[in-house]
PDB file of N, CA and C in Angstrom:
ATOM      1  N   UNK A   1      -6.740 -11.399  29.511  1.00  0.00           N
ATOM      2  CA  UNK A   1      -7.253 -11.943  28.277  1.00  0.00           C
ATOM      3  C   UNK A   1      -6.570 -11.221  27.109  1.00  0.00           C
ATOM      4  N   UNK A   2      -6.037 -11.987  26.171  1.00  0.00           N
ATOM      5  CA  UNK A   2      -5.366 -11.427  24.993  1.00  0.00           C
ATOM      6  C   UNK A   2      -6.405 -11.008  23.948  1.00  0.00           C
ATOM      7  N   UNK A   3      -6.159  -9.854  23.315  1.00  0.00           N
ATOM      8  CA  UNK A   3      -7.134  -9.263  22.393  1.00  0.00           C
ATOM      9  C   UNK A   3      -6.459  -8.802  21.107  1.00  0.00           C
ATOM     10  N   UNK A   4      -7.149  -9.008  19.975  1.00  0.00           N
ATOM     11  CA  UNK A   4      -6.801  -8.379  18.705  1.00  0.00           C
ATOM     12  C   UNK A   4      -7.784  -7.232  18.520  1.00  0.00           C
ATOM     13  N   UNK A   5      -7.261  -6.010  18.418  1.00  0.00           N
ATOM     14  CA  UNK A   5      -8.107  -4.845  18.181  1.00  0.00           C
ATOM     15  C   UNK A   5      -8.065  -4.538  16.687  1.00  0.00           C
ATOM     16  N   UNK A   6      -9.239  -4.413  16.079  1.00  0.00           N
ATOM     17  CA  UNK A   6      -9.372  -4.151  14.641  1.00  0.00           C
ATOM     18  C   UNK A   6     -10.096  -2.823  14.464  1.00  0.00           C
ATOM     19  N   UNK A   7      -9.491  -1.927  13.707  1.00  0.00           N
ATOM     20  CA  UNK A   7     -10.133  -0.662  13.368  1.00  0.00           C
ATOM     21  C   UNK A   7     -10.239  -0.614  11.855  1.00  0.00           C
ATOM     22  N   UNK A   8     -11.452  -0.372  11.350  1.00  0.00           N
ATOM     23  CA  UNK A   8     -11.702  -0.355   9.908  1.00  0.00           C
ATOM     24  C   UNK A   8     -11.729   1.086   9.402  1.00  0.00           C
ATOM     25  N   UNK A   9     -11.077   1.305   8.230  1.00  0.00           N
ATOM     26  CA  UNK A   9     -10.982   2.645   7.653  1.00  0.00           C
ATOM     27  C   UNK A   9     -11.341   2.634   6.171  1.00  0.00           C
ATOM     28  N   UNK A  10     -11.832   3.788   5.731  1.00  0.00           N
ATOM     29  CA  UNK A  10     -12.116   4.004   4.316  1.00  0.00           C
ATOM     30  C   UNK A  10     -11.062   4.917   3.693  1.00  0.00           C
ATOM     31  N   UNK A  11     -10.536   5.876   4.463  1.00  0.00           N
ATOM     32  CA  UNK A  11      -9.626   6.893   3.926  1.00  0.00           C
ATOM     33  C   UNK A  11      -8.334   6.978   4.720  1.00  0.00           C
ATOM     34  N   UNK A  12      -7.264   7.387   4.039  1.00  0.00           N
ATOM     35  CA  UNK A  12      -6.016   7.746   4.696  1.00  0.00           C
ATOM     36  C   UNK A  12      -6.074   9.210   5.091  1.00  0.00           C
ATOM     37  N   UNK A  13      -5.265   9.592   6.049  1.00  0.00           N
ATOM     38  CA  UNK A  13      -5.217  10.979   6.503  1.00  0.00           C
ATOM     39  C   UNK A  13      -4.490  11.832   5.476  1.00  0.00           C
ATOM     40  N   UNK A  14      -5.100  12.937   5.097  1.00  0.00           N
ATOM     41  CA  UNK A  14      -4.486  13.869   4.153  1.00  0.00           C
ATOM     42  C   UNK A  14      -4.052  15.123   4.887  1.00  0.00           C
ATOM     43  N   UNK A  15      -2.848  15.574   4.571  1.00  0.00           N
ATOM     44  CA  UNK A  15      -2.311  16.810   5.140  1.00  0.00           C
ATOM     45  C   UNK A  15      -1.737  17.629   3.993  1.00  0.00           C
ATOM     46  N   UNK A  16      -1.422  18.879   4.269  1.00  0.00           N
ATOM     47  CA  UNK A  16      -0.839  19.733   3.232  1.00  0.00           C
ATOM     48  C   UNK A  16       0.400  19.057   2.667  1.00  0.00           C
ATOM     49  N   UNK A  17       0.423  18.882   1.365  1.00  0.00           N
ATOM     50  CA  UNK A  17       1.587  18.280   0.729  1.00  0.00           C
ATOM     51  C   UNK A  17       1.502  16.782   0.511  1.00  0.00           C
ATOM     52  N   UNK A  18       0.426  16.120   0.950  1.00  0.00           N
ATOM     53  CA  UNK A  18       0.353  14.689   0.674  1.00  0.00           C
ATOM     54  C   UNK A  18      -0.550  13.914   1.608  1.00  0.00           C
ATOM     55  N   UNK A  19      -0.354  12.606   1.561  1.00  0.00           N
ATOM     56  CA  UNK A  19      -1.138  11.671   2.357  1.00  0.00           C
ATOM     57  C   UNK A  19      -0.225  11.001   3.369  1.00  0.00           C
ATOM     58  N   UNK A  20      -0.708  10.850   4.594  1.00  0.00           N
ATOM     59  CA  UNK A  20       0.033  10.175   5.651  1.00  0.00           C
ATOM     60  C   UNK A  20      -0.505   8.748   5.736  1.00  0.00           C
ATOM     61  N   UNK A  21       0.377   7.740   5.832  1.00  0.00           N
ATOM     62  CA  UNK A  21      -0.097   6.350   5.832  1.00  0.00           C
ATOM     63  C   UNK A  21      -0.703   5.902   7.172  1.00  0.00           C
ATOM     64  N   UNK A  22      -1.746   6.598   7.593  1.00  0.00           N
ATOM     65  CA  UNK A  22      -2.511   6.225   8.783  1.00  0.00           C
ATOM     66  C   UNK A  22      -3.992   6.415   8.473  1.00  0.00           C
ATOM     67  N   UNK A  23      -4.832   5.692   9.173  1.00  0.00           N
ATOM     68  CA  UNK A  23      -6.264   5.803   8.953  1.00  0.00           C
ATOM     69  C   UNK A  23      -6.807   7.135   9.432  1.00  0.00           C
ATOM     70  N   UNK A  24      -7.774   7.653   8.689  1.00  0.00           N
ATOM     71  CA  UNK A  24      -8.425   8.909   9.068  1.00  0.00           C
ATOM     72  C   UNK A  24      -9.498   8.609  10.107  1.00  0.00           C
ATOM     73  N   UNK A  25      -9.347   9.211  11.274  1.00  0.00           N
ATOM     74  CA  UNK A  25     -10.294   9.022  12.370  1.00  0.00           C
ATOM     75  C   UNK A  25     -11.514   9.918  12.181  1.00  0.00           C
ATOM     76  N   UNK A  26     -12.647   9.529  12.673  1.00  0.00           N
ATOM     77  CA  UNK A  26     -12.854   8.303  13.435  1.00  0.00           C
ATOM     78  C   UNK A  26     -12.940   7.076  12.520  1.00  0.00           C
ATOM     79  N   UNK A  27     -12.559   5.940  13.067  1.00  0.00           N
ATOM     80  CA  UNK A  27     -12.654   4.691  12.324  1.00  0.00           C
ATOM     81  C   UNK A  27     -14.116   4.379  12.029  1.00  0.00           C
ATOM     82  N   UNK A  28     -14.354   3.646  10.939  1.00  0.00           N
ATOM     83  CA  UNK A  28     -15.724   3.231  10.615  1.00  0.00           C
ATOM     84  C   UNK A  28     -16.258   2.279  11.672  1.00  0.00           C
ATOM     85  N   UNK A  29     -15.405   1.326  12.080  1.00  0.00           N
ATOM     86  CA  UNK A  29     -15.800   0.272  13.015  1.00  0.00           C
ATOM     87  C   UNK A  29     -14.600  -0.066  13.893  1.00  0.00           C
ATOM     88  N   UNK A  30     -14.867  -0.422  15.133  1.00  0.00           N
ATOM     89  CA  UNK A  30     -13.840  -0.962  16.024  1.00  0.00           C
ATOM     90  C   UNK A  30     -14.347  -2.301  16.529  1.00  0.00           C
ATOM     91  N   UNK A  31     -13.517  -3.329  16.357  1.00  0.00           N
ATOM     92  CA  UNK A  31     -13.868  -4.668  16.816  1.00  0.00           C
ATOM     93  C   UNK A  31     -12.778  -5.182  17.738  1.00  0.00           C
ATOM     94  N   UNK A  32     -13.122  -6.142  18.566  1.00  0.00           N
ATOM     95  CA  UNK A  32     -12.141  -6.871  19.367  1.00  0.00           C
ATOM     96  C   UNK A  32     -12.425  -8.350  19.215  1.00  0.00           C
ATOM     97  N   UNK A  33     -11.343  -9.123  19.016  1.00  0.00           N
ATOM     98  CA  UNK A  33     -11.456 -10.575  18.939  1.00  0.00           C
ATOM     99  C   UNK A  33     -10.508 -11.153  19.985  1.00  0.00           C
ATOM    100  N   UNK A  34     -10.999 -12.064  20.799  1.00  0.00           N
ATOM    101  CA  UNK A  34     -10.173 -12.720  21.807  1.00  0.00           C
ATOM    102  C   UNK A  34      -9.157 -13.623  21.111  1.00  0.00           C
ATOM    103  N   UNK A  35      -7.917 -13.581  21.580  1.00  0.00           N
ATOM    104  CA  UNK A  35      -6.859 -14.424  21.014  1.00  0.00           C
ATOM    105  C   UNK A  35      -6.672 -15.614  21.937  1.00  0.00           C
ATOM    106  N   UNK A  36      -6.838 -16.818  21.374  1.00  0.00           N
ATOM    107  CA  UNK A  36      -6.694 -18.033  22.161  1.00  0.00           C
ATOM    108  C   UNK A  36      -5.971 -19.120  21.377  1.00  0.00           C
ATOM    109  N   UNK A  37      -6.186 -20.357  21.788  1.00  0.00           N
ATOM    110  CA  UNK A  37      -5.518 -21.488  21.165  1.00  0.00           C
ATOM    111  C   UNK A  37      -6.154 -21.937  19.867  1.00  0.00           C
ATOM    112  N   UNK A  38      -7.376 -21.499  19.588  1.00  0.00           N
ATOM    113  CA  UNK A  38      -8.056 -21.834  18.342  1.00  0.00           C
ATOM    114  C   UNK A  38      -8.263 -20.588  17.504  1.00  0.00           C
ATOM    115  N   UNK A  39      -8.555 -20.785  16.227  1.00  0.00           N
ATOM    116  CA  UNK A  39      -8.773 -19.678  15.306  1.00  0.00           C
ATOM    117  C   UNK A  39     -10.161 -19.086  15.508  1.00  0.00           C
ATOM    118  N   UNK A  40     -10.210 -17.774  15.728  1.00  0.00           N
ATOM    119  CA  UNK A  40     -11.476 -17.065  15.870  1.00  0.00           C
ATOM    120  C   UNK A  40     -11.535 -15.944  14.846  1.00  0.00           C
ATOM    121  N   UNK A  41     -12.736 -15.665  14.303  1.00  0.00           N
ATOM    122  CA  UNK A  41     -12.903 -14.678  13.238  1.00  0.00           C
ATOM    123  C   UNK A  41     -13.570 -13.401  13.738  1.00  0.00           C
ATOM    124  N   UNK A  42     -13.228 -12.308  13.056  1.00  0.00           N
ATOM    125  CA  UNK A  42     -13.932 -11.038  13.252  1.00  0.00           C
ATOM    126  C   UNK A  42     -15.268 -11.125  12.534  1.00  0.00           C
ATOM    127  N   UNK A  43     -16.070 -10.064  12.657  1.00  0.00           N
ATOM    128  CA  UNK A  43     -17.240  -9.954  11.800  1.00  0.00           C
ATOM    129  C   UNK A  43     -16.772  -9.447  10.439  1.00  0.00           C
ATOM    130  N   UNK A  44     -17.609  -9.560   9.435  1.00  0.00           N
ATOM    131  CA  UNK A  44     -17.239  -9.150   8.077  1.00  0.00           C
ATOM    132  C   UNK A  44     -17.012  -7.637   8.021  1.00  0.00           C
ATOM    133  N   UNK A  45     -16.019  -7.226   7.214  1.00  0.00           N
ATOM    134  CA  UNK A  45     -15.720  -5.809   7.027  1.00  0.00           C
ATOM    135  C   UNK A  45     -16.863  -5.144   6.250  1.00  0.00           C
ATOM    136  N   UNK A  46     -17.113  -3.876   6.531  1.00  0.00           N
ATOM    137  CA  UNK A  46     -18.206  -3.154   5.888  1.00  0.00           C
ATOM    138  C   UNK A  46     -17.906  -2.894   4.415  1.00  0.00           C
ATOM    139  N   UNK A  47     -18.914  -2.489   3.680  1.00  0.00           N
ATOM    140  CA  UNK A  47     -18.735  -2.198   2.251  1.00  0.00           C
ATOM    141  C   UNK A  47     -17.864  -0.969   2.027  1.00  0.00           C
ATOM    142  N   UNK A  48     -17.707  -0.128   3.033  1.00  0.00           N
ATOM    143  CA  UNK A  48     -16.858   1.061   2.917  1.00  0.00           C
ATOM    144  C   UNK A  48     -15.417   0.817   3.349  1.00  0.00           C
ATOM    145  N   UNK A  49     -15.151  -0.289   4.036  1.00  0.00           N
ATOM    146  CA  UNK A  49     -13.815  -0.566   4.568  1.00  0.00           C
ATOM    147  C   UNK A  49     -12.841  -0.894   3.445  1.00  0.00           C
ATOM    148  N   UNK A  50     -11.722  -0.156   3.427  1.00  0.00           N
ATOM    149  CA  UNK A  50     -10.664  -0.375   2.430  1.00  0.00           C
ATOM    150  C   UNK A  50      -9.390  -0.933   3.057  1.00  0.00           C
ATOM    151  N   UNK A  51      -9.180  -0.609   4.336  1.00  0.00           N
ATOM    152  CA  UNK A  51      -8.028  -1.160   5.040  1.00  0.00           C
ATOM    153  C   UNK A  51      -8.318  -1.186   6.534  1.00  0.00           C
ATOM    154  N   UNK A  52      -7.536  -2.002   7.247  1.00  0.00           N
ATOM    155  CA  UNK A  52      -7.725  -2.168   8.684  1.00  0.00           C
ATOM    156  C   UNK A  52      -6.408  -1.935   9.409  1.00  0.00           C
ATOM    157  N   UNK A  53      -6.539  -1.524  10.653  1.00  0.00           N
ATOM    158  CA  UNK A  53      -5.402  -1.406  11.564  1.00  0.00           C
ATOM    159  C   UNK A  53      -5.589  -2.503  12.597  1.00  0.00           C
ATOM    160  N   UNK A  54      -4.595  -3.383  12.713  1.00  0.00           N
ATOM    161  CA  UNK A  54      -4.640  -4.465  13.695  1.00  0.00           C
ATOM    162  C   UNK A  54      -3.621  -4.201  14.788  1.00  0.00           C
ATOM    163  N   UNK A  55      -4.004  -4.462  16.029  1.00  0.00           N
ATOM    164  CA  UNK A  55      -3.075  -4.388  17.151  1.00  0.00           C
ATOM    165  C   UNK A  55      -3.266  -5.626  18.010  1.00  0.00           C
ATOM    166  N   UNK A  56      -2.167  -6.378  18.198  1.00  0.00           N
ATOM    167  CA  UNK A  56      -2.175  -7.586  19.035  1.00  0.00           C
ATOM    168  C   UNK A  56      -1.416  -7.304  20.317  1.00  0.00           C
ATOM    169  N   UNK A  57      -1.946  -7.743  21.441  1.00  0.00           N
ATOM    170  CA  UNK A  57      -1.180  -7.581  22.669  1.00  0.00           C
ATOM    171  C   UNK A  57      -0.362  -8.818  23.019  1.00  0.00           C
ATOM    172  N   UNK A  58      -0.471  -9.885  22.206  1.00  0.00           N
ATOM    173  CA  UNK A  58       0.378 -11.078  22.322  1.00  0.00           C
ATOM    174  C   UNK A  58       0.777 -11.521  20.909  1.00  0.00           C
ATOM    175  N   UNK A  59       1.788 -12.371  20.803  1.00  0.00           N
ATOM    176  CA  UNK A  59       2.160 -12.919  19.500  1.00  0.00           C
ATOM    177  C   UNK A  59       0.999 -13.737  18.950  1.00  0.00           C
ATOM    178  N   UNK A  60       0.711 -13.559  17.646  1.00  0.00           N
ATOM    179  CA  UNK A  60      -0.454 -14.220  17.069  1.00  0.00           C
ATOM    180  C   UNK A  60      -0.272 -14.476  15.585  1.00  0.00           C
ATOM    181  N   UNK A  61      -0.999 -15.470  15.097  1.00  0.00           N
ATOM    182  CA  UNK A  61      -1.111 -15.725  13.675  1.00  0.00           C
ATOM    183  C   UNK A  61      -2.405 -15.116  13.185  1.00  0.00           C
ATOM    184  N   UNK A  62      -2.400 -14.581  11.961  1.00  0.00           N
ATOM    185  CA  UNK A  62      -3.610 -13.992  11.393  1.00  0.00           C
ATOM    186  C   UNK A  62      -3.809 -14.521   9.978  1.00  0.00           C
ATOM    187  N   UNK A  63      -5.037 -14.432   9.506  1.00  0.00           N
ATOM    188  CA  UNK A  63      -5.370 -14.803   8.129  1.00  0.00           C
ATOM    189  C   UNK A  63      -6.567 -13.966   7.704  1.00  0.00           C
ATOM    190  N   UNK A  64      -6.626 -13.615   6.413  1.00  0.00           N
ATOM    191  CA  UNK A  64      -7.730 -12.837   5.856  1.00  0.00           C
ATOM    192  C   UNK A  64      -8.464 -13.668   4.818  1.00  0.00           C
ATOM    193  N   UNK A  65      -9.760 -13.397   4.630  1.00  0.00           N
ATOM    194  CA  UNK A  65     -10.532 -14.057   3.595  1.00  0.00           C
ATOM    195  C   UNK A  65     -12.006 -14.061   3.931  1.00  0.00           C
ATOM    196  N   UNK A  66     -12.787 -14.746   3.089  1.00  0.00           N
ATOM    197  CA  UNK A  66     -14.224 -14.811   3.327  1.00  0.00           C
ATOM    198  C   UNK A  66     -14.567 -15.756   4.479  1.00  0.00           C
ATOM    199  N   UNK A  67     -13.720 -16.752   4.712  1.00  0.00           N
ATOM    200  CA  UNK A  67     -13.881 -17.683   5.838  1.00  0.00           C
ATOM    201  C   UNK A  67     -12.488 -18.131   6.283  1.00  0.00           C
ATOM    202  N   UNK A  68     -11.676 -17.204   6.827  1.00  0.00           N
ATOM    203  CA  UNK A  68     -10.277 -17.503   7.104  1.00  0.00           C
ATOM    204  C   UNK A  68     -10.074 -18.369   8.342  1.00  0.00           C
ATOM    205  N   UNK A  69      -8.952 -19.103   8.352  1.00  0.00           N
ATOM    206  CA  UNK A  69      -8.519 -19.862   9.514  1.00  0.00           C
ATOM    207  C   UNK A  69      -7.066 -19.505   9.785  1.00  0.00           C
ATOM    208  N   UNK A  70      -6.805 -18.956  10.963  1.00  0.00           N
ATOM    209  CA  UNK A  70      -5.441 -18.607  11.347  1.00  0.00           C
ATOM    210  C   UNK A  70      -4.747 -19.843  11.912  1.00  0.00           C
ATOM    211  N   UNK A  71      -3.450 -19.943  11.638  1.00  0.00           N
ATOM    212  CA  UNK A  71      -2.663 -21.035  12.203  1.00  0.00           C
ATOM    213  C   UNK A  71      -1.708 -20.468  13.247  1.00  0.00           C
ATOM    214  N   UNK A  72      -1.150 -21.338  14.067  1.00  0.00           N
ATOM    215  CA  UNK A  72      -0.323 -20.910  15.195  1.00  0.00           C
ATOM    216  C   UNK A  72       1.106 -20.597  14.753  1.00  0.00           C
ATOM    217  N   UNK A  73       1.241 -19.601  13.907  1.00  0.00           N
ATOM    218  CA  UNK A  73       2.560 -19.084  13.527  1.00  0.00           C
ATOM    219  C   UNK A  73       2.576 -17.604  13.892  1.00  0.00           C
ATOM    220  N   UNK A  74       3.749 -17.042  14.106  1.00  0.00           N
ATOM    221  CA  UNK A  74       3.814 -15.643  14.533  1.00  0.00           C
ATOM    222  C   UNK A  74       3.836 -14.718  13.338  1.00  0.00           C
ATOM    223  N   UNK A  75       2.657 -14.230  12.939  1.00  0.00           N
ATOM    224  CA  UNK A  75       2.556 -13.195  11.906  1.00  0.00           C
ATOM    225  C   UNK A  75       2.699 -11.814  12.535  1.00  0.00           C
ATOM    226  N   UNK A  76       2.282 -11.702  13.804  1.00  0.00           N
ATOM    227  CA  UNK A  76       2.366 -10.427  14.521  1.00  0.00           C
ATOM    228  C   UNK A  76       2.970 -10.686  15.895  1.00  0.00           C
ATOM    229  N   UNK A  77       3.887  -9.815  16.300  1.00  0.00           N
ATOM    230  CA  UNK A  77       4.525  -9.919  17.609  1.00  0.00           C
ATOM    231  C   UNK A  77       3.645  -9.257  18.668  1.00  0.00           C
ATOM    232  N   UNK A  78       3.924  -9.570  19.918  1.00  0.00           N
ATOM    233  CA  UNK A  78       3.216  -8.921  21.022  1.00  0.00           C
ATOM    234  C   UNK A  78       3.437  -7.417  20.954  1.00  0.00           C
ATOM    235  N   UNK A  79       2.351  -6.648  21.011  1.00  0.00           N
ATOM    236  CA  UNK A  79       2.432  -5.200  20.980  1.00  0.00           C
ATOM    237  C   UNK A  79       2.559  -4.602  19.584  1.00  0.00           C
ATOM    238  N   UNK A  80       2.508  -5.421  18.543  1.00  0.00           N
ATOM    239  CA  UNK A  80       2.676  -4.934  17.175  1.00  0.00           C
ATOM    240  C   UNK A  80       1.374  -4.348  16.631  1.00  0.00           C
ATOM    241  N   UNK A  81       1.504  -3.298  15.809  1.00  0.00           N
ATOM    242  CA  UNK A  81       0.384  -2.679  15.121  1.00  0.00           C
ATOM    243  C   UNK A  81       0.712  -2.628  13.636  1.00  0.00           C
ATOM    244  N   UNK A  82      -0.213  -3.062  12.788  1.00  0.00           N
ATOM    245  CA  UNK A  82       0.000  -3.086  11.339  1.00  0.00           C
ATOM    246  C   UNK A  82      -1.270  -2.659  10.622  1.00  0.00           C
ATOM    247  N   UNK A  83      -1.089  -2.119   9.414  1.00  0.00           N
ATOM    248  CA  UNK A  83      -2.205  -1.796   8.516  1.00  0.00           C
ATOM    249  C   UNK A  83      -2.215  -2.806   7.367  1.00  0.00           C
ATOM    250  N   UNK A  84      -3.430  -3.201   6.941  1.00  0.00           N
ATOM    251  CA  UNK A  84      -3.590  -4.133   5.831  1.00  0.00           C
ATOM    252  C   UNK A  84      -4.735  -3.662   4.937  1.00  0.00           C
ATOM    253  N   UNK A  85      -4.558  -3.747   3.629  1.00  0.00           N
ATOM    254  CA  UNK A  85      -5.652  -3.516   2.693  1.00  0.00           C
ATOM    255  C   UNK A  85      -6.546  -4.741   2.689  1.00  0.00           C
ATOM    256  N   UNK A  86      -7.861  -4.538   2.660  1.00  0.00           N
ATOM    257  CA  UNK A  86      -8.800  -5.659   2.738  1.00  0.00           C
ATOM    258  C   UNK A  86      -9.924  -5.500   1.728  1.00  0.00           C
ATOM    259  N   UNK A  87     -10.672  -6.573   1.525  1.00  0.00           N
ATOM    260  CA  UNK A  87     -11.818  -6.571   0.624  1.00  0.00           C
ATOM    261  C   UNK A  87     -13.118  -6.524   1.425  1.00  0.00           C
ATOM    262  N   UNK A  88     -14.112  -5.856   0.864  1.00  0.00           N
ATOM    263  CA  UNK A  88     -15.438  -5.791   1.464  1.00  0.00           C
ATOM    264  C   UNK A  88     -15.947  -7.190   1.745  1.00  0.00           C
ATOM    265  N   UNK A  89     -16.523  -7.382   2.927  1.00  0.00           N
ATOM    266  CA  UNK A  89     -17.122  -8.659   3.287  1.00  0.00           C
ATOM    267  C   UNK A  89     -16.150  -9.692   3.808  1.00  0.00           C
ATOM    268  N   UNK A  90     -14.841  -9.460   3.664  1.00  0.00           N
ATOM    269  CA  UNK A  90     -13.874 -10.407   4.203  1.00  0.00           C
ATOM    270  C   UNK A  90     -13.762 -10.223   5.710  1.00  0.00           C
ATOM    271  N   UNK A  91     -13.040 -11.137   6.341  1.00  0.00           N
ATOM    272  CA  UNK A  91     -12.843 -11.129   7.800  1.00  0.00           C
ATOM    273  C   UNK A  91     -11.366 -11.364   8.071  1.00  0.00           C
ATOM    274  N   UNK A  92     -10.980 -11.154   9.322  1.00  0.00           N
ATOM    275  CA  UNK A  92      -9.649 -11.545   9.765  1.00  0.00           C
ATOM    276  C   UNK A  92      -9.838 -12.599  10.866  1.00  0.00           C
ATOM    277  N   UNK A  93      -9.013 -13.626  10.808  1.00  0.00           N
ATOM    278  CA  UNK A  93      -9.005 -14.658  11.842  1.00  0.00           C
ATOM    279  C   UNK A  93      -7.707 -14.518  12.625  1.00  0.00           C
ATOM    280  N   UNK A  94      -7.736 -14.863  13.902  1.00  0.00           N
ATOM    281  CA  UNK A  94      -6.561 -14.756  14.754  1.00  0.00           C
ATOM    282  C   UNK A  94      -6.458 -15.976  15.651  1.00  0.00           C
ATOM    283  N   UNK A  95      -5.208 -16.349  15.959  1.00  0.00           N
ATOM    284  CA  UNK A  95      -4.932 -17.475  16.836  1.00  0.00           C
ATOM    285  C   UNK A  95      -3.614 -17.199  17.539  1.00  0.00           C
ATOM    286  N   UNK A  96      -3.520 -17.535  18.791  1.00  0.00           N
ATOM    287  CA  UNK A  96      -2.271 -17.361  19.529  1.00  0.00           C
ATOM    288  C   UNK A  96      -1.140 -18.134  18.876  1.00  0.00           C
ATOM    289  N   UNK A  97       0.049 -17.527  18.849  1.00  0.00           N
ATOM    290  CA  UNK A  97       1.211 -18.167  18.194  1.00  0.00           C
ATOM    291  C   UNK A  97       1.880 -19.165  19.099  1.00  0.00           C
TER     292      UNK A  97
END
C-alpha cells in the first residue's frame, strides 16, 4: 500500500551559528494518508503547525488548501521528501500520479 507520511512542525532546528532547514523533533503530529487513484485529504493542520515534511513512497500529485483536490500529475517522485510552509487549518491532498 502506497503512503504519504506527513510530519507537522512549529520550529526549525537551531544549532550554534544558525538555523538548519529541518523540522525540530519531535514533530507536533504524524499522519499517514493512503495514496490511490482518487484524491484523499489529510486531517487539518494544528494551530501550531507552520510547515510540514512530506514523504511519498510512490510518484504522487499533491495540493494544499482548506479543501484541496490533488490531480494525477507528478508533484513528488517515488521516495521524495520535501518541506512546505502551510497555514493553520489547511490540509494536504494526495493522489497517485
